[in-house]
C-alpha atoms as a PDB file:
ATOM      1  CA  MET A   1      -6.428 -14.657  -0.105  1.00  0.00           C
ATOM      2  CA  THR A   2      -6.055 -13.542   3.484  1.00  0.00           C
ATOM      3  CA  THR A   3      -4.997  -9.970   4.248  1.00  0.00           C
ATOM      4  CA  ILE A   4      -3.893  -8.901   7.700  1.00  0.00           C
ATOM      5  CA  ILE A   5      -3.086  -5.226   8.413  1.00  0.00           C
ATOM      6  CA  GLY A   6      -1.422  -3.644  11.423  1.00  0.00           C
ATOM      7  CA  VAL A   7      -2.223   0.002  12.253  1.00  0.00           C
ATOM      8  CA  ASN A   8       0.185   1.831  14.582  1.00  0.00           C
ATOM      9  CA  LEU A   9      -1.772   4.358  16.683  1.00  0.00           C
ATOM     10  CA  THR A  10       0.545   6.794  18.395  1.00  0.00           C
ATOM     11  CA  ASN A  11      -2.114   8.589  20.307  1.00  0.00           C
ATOM     12  CA  ARG A  12      -4.971   6.296  21.053  1.00  0.00           C
ATOM     13  CA  ALA A  13      -6.940   8.728  23.272  1.00  0.00           C
ATOM     14  CA  GLU A  14      -6.830  11.466  20.565  1.00  0.00           C
ATOM     15  CA  CYS A  15      -7.609   9.395  17.514  1.00  0.00           C
ATOM     16  CA  SER A  16     -10.012   6.684  18.719  1.00  0.00           C
ATOM     17  CA  ALA A  17     -13.162   8.286  17.532  1.00  0.00           C
ATOM     18  CA  GLU A  18     -11.928   8.895  13.972  1.00  0.00           C
ATOM     19  CA  PHE A  19     -10.375   5.415  13.882  1.00  0.00           C
ATOM     20  CA  GLN A  20     -13.619   3.788  14.925  1.00  0.00           C
ATOM     21  CA  GLN A  21     -15.617   5.767  12.371  1.00  0.00           C
ATOM     22  CA  ILE A  22     -13.309   4.371   9.619  1.00  0.00           C
ATOM     23  CA  LEU A  23     -13.576   0.798  10.958  1.00  0.00           C
ATOM     24  CA  THR A  24     -17.420   1.166  11.124  1.00  0.00           C
ATOM     25  CA  LYS A  25     -17.512   2.307   7.491  1.00  0.00           C
ATOM     26  CA  TYR A  26     -15.625  -0.809   6.335  1.00  0.00           C
ATOM     27  CA  GLY A  27     -17.083  -3.100   9.024  1.00  0.00           C
ATOM     28  CA  CYS A  28     -18.350  -5.725   6.567  1.00  0.00           C
ATOM     29  CA  SER A  29     -14.840  -6.192   5.281  1.00  0.00           C
ATOM     30  CA  ILE A  30     -13.302  -6.908   8.734  1.00  0.00           C
ATOM     31  CA  ARG A  31     -13.354 -10.498   9.985  1.00  0.00           C
ATOM     32  CA  THR A  32     -11.272 -10.054  13.201  1.00  0.00           C
ATOM     33  CA  ARG A  33      -9.981  -7.046  15.178  1.00  0.00           C
ATOM     34  CA  ILE A  34      -7.306  -7.284  17.773  1.00  0.00           C
ATOM     35  CA  GLY A  35      -6.053  -4.314  19.782  1.00  0.00           C
ATOM     36  CA  LEU A  36      -2.608  -4.393  21.390  1.00  0.00           C
ATOM     37  CA  HIS A  37      -1.636  -1.503  23.606  1.00  0.00           C
ATOM     38  CA  HIS A  38       1.847  -0.756  24.927  1.00  0.00           C
ATOM     39  CA  SER A  39       2.593  -0.697  28.494  1.00  0.00           C
ATOM     40  CA  GLU A  40       5.735  -0.364  30.648  1.00  0.00           C
ATOM     41  CA  GLN A  41       6.010  -1.336  34.272  1.00  0.00           C
ATOM     42  CA  ASP A  42       2.339  -1.018  35.460  1.00  0.00           C
ATOM     43  CA  VAL A  43       1.845   2.020  33.191  1.00  0.00           C
ATOM     44  CA  CYS A  44      -0.634   1.714  30.301  1.00  0.00           C
ATOM     45  CA  LEU A  45       0.753   4.040  27.470  1.00  0.00           C
ATOM     46  CA  ASN A  46      -1.210   5.980  24.941  1.00  0.00           C
ATOM     47  CA  ARG A  47      -0.055   4.106  21.935  1.00  0.00           C
ATOM     48  CA  GLY A  48      -0.820   0.705  20.407  1.00  0.00           C
ATOM     49  CA  ILE A  49      -1.283  -1.431  17.353  1.00  0.00           C
ATOM     50  CA  VAL A  50      -4.634  -2.810  16.009  1.00  0.00           C
ATOM     51  CA  LEU A  51      -4.603  -5.928  13.869  1.00  0.00           C
ATOM     52  CA  LEU A  52      -7.305  -6.480  11.351  1.00  0.00           C
ATOM     53  CA  ASP A  53      -8.040  -9.731   9.460  1.00  0.00           C
ATOM     54  CA  LEU A  54      -9.807  -8.757   6.295  1.00  0.00           C
ATOM     55  CA  LYS A  55     -12.280 -10.623   4.126  1.00  0.00           C
ATOM     56  CA  ASP A  56     -10.882  -9.175   0.892  1.00  0.00           C
ATOM     57  CA  ASP A  57      -7.808  -7.362  -0.122  1.00  0.00           C
ATOM     58  CA  GLY A  58      -8.958  -4.304   1.849  1.00  0.00           C
ATOM     59  CA  GLN A  59      -7.268  -1.730  -0.465  1.00  0.00           C
ATOM     60  CA  LYS A  60      -9.830   1.028   0.098  1.00  0.00           C
ATOM     61  CA  LEU A  61      -9.661   0.511   3.858  1.00  0.00           C
ATOM     62  CA  ILE A  62      -5.829   0.538   3.768  1.00  0.00           C
ATOM     63  CA  ASP A  63      -5.759   3.654   1.658  1.00  0.00           C
ATOM     64  CA  GLU A  64      -7.979   5.526   4.040  1.00  0.00           C
ATOM     65  CA  LEU A  65      -6.184   4.394   7.156  1.00  0.00           C
ATOM     66  CA  SER A  66      -2.789   5.281   5.578  1.00  0.00           C
ATOM     67  CA  LYS A  67      -3.820   8.864   5.276  1.00  0.00           C
ATOM     68  CA  HIS A  68      -3.703   9.140   9.073  1.00  0.00           C
ATOM     69  CA  TRP A  69      -1.562   6.340  10.526  1.00  0.00           C
ATOM     70  CA  GLU A  70       1.224   3.882   9.651  1.00  0.00           C
ATOM     71  CA  VAL A  71      -0.130   0.785   8.078  1.00  0.00           C
ATOM     72  CA  GLN A  72       1.634  -2.531   7.528  1.00  0.00           C
ATOM     73  CA  THR A  73       0.138  -5.334   5.454  1.00  0.00           C
ATOM     74  CA  MET A  74       0.657  -9.100   5.225  1.00  0.00           C
ATOM     75  CA  LYS A  75      -1.001 -11.051   2.386  1.00  0.00           C
ATOM     76  CA  PHE A  76      -1.312 -14.870   2.241  1.00  0.00           C
ATOM     77  CA  GLU A  77      -2.441 -16.987  -0.719  1.00  0.00           C
END
């Protein structure tokens, strides 16, 4: 099974340290991490989405991230 999650970070500058600590805690479960930040007309905004490709179902990671941010999940057999 492949699990991909998207985490919506509404204030990247404020939450980056806490977010990174959580990812480090579950680092062995993360295969790929992609960060997508929002921008408008030459201005980099302070929000973005992080996509994570997980090695397992990632439920513990999803539960912890969901306490702080919006998380969307895709699962493929």
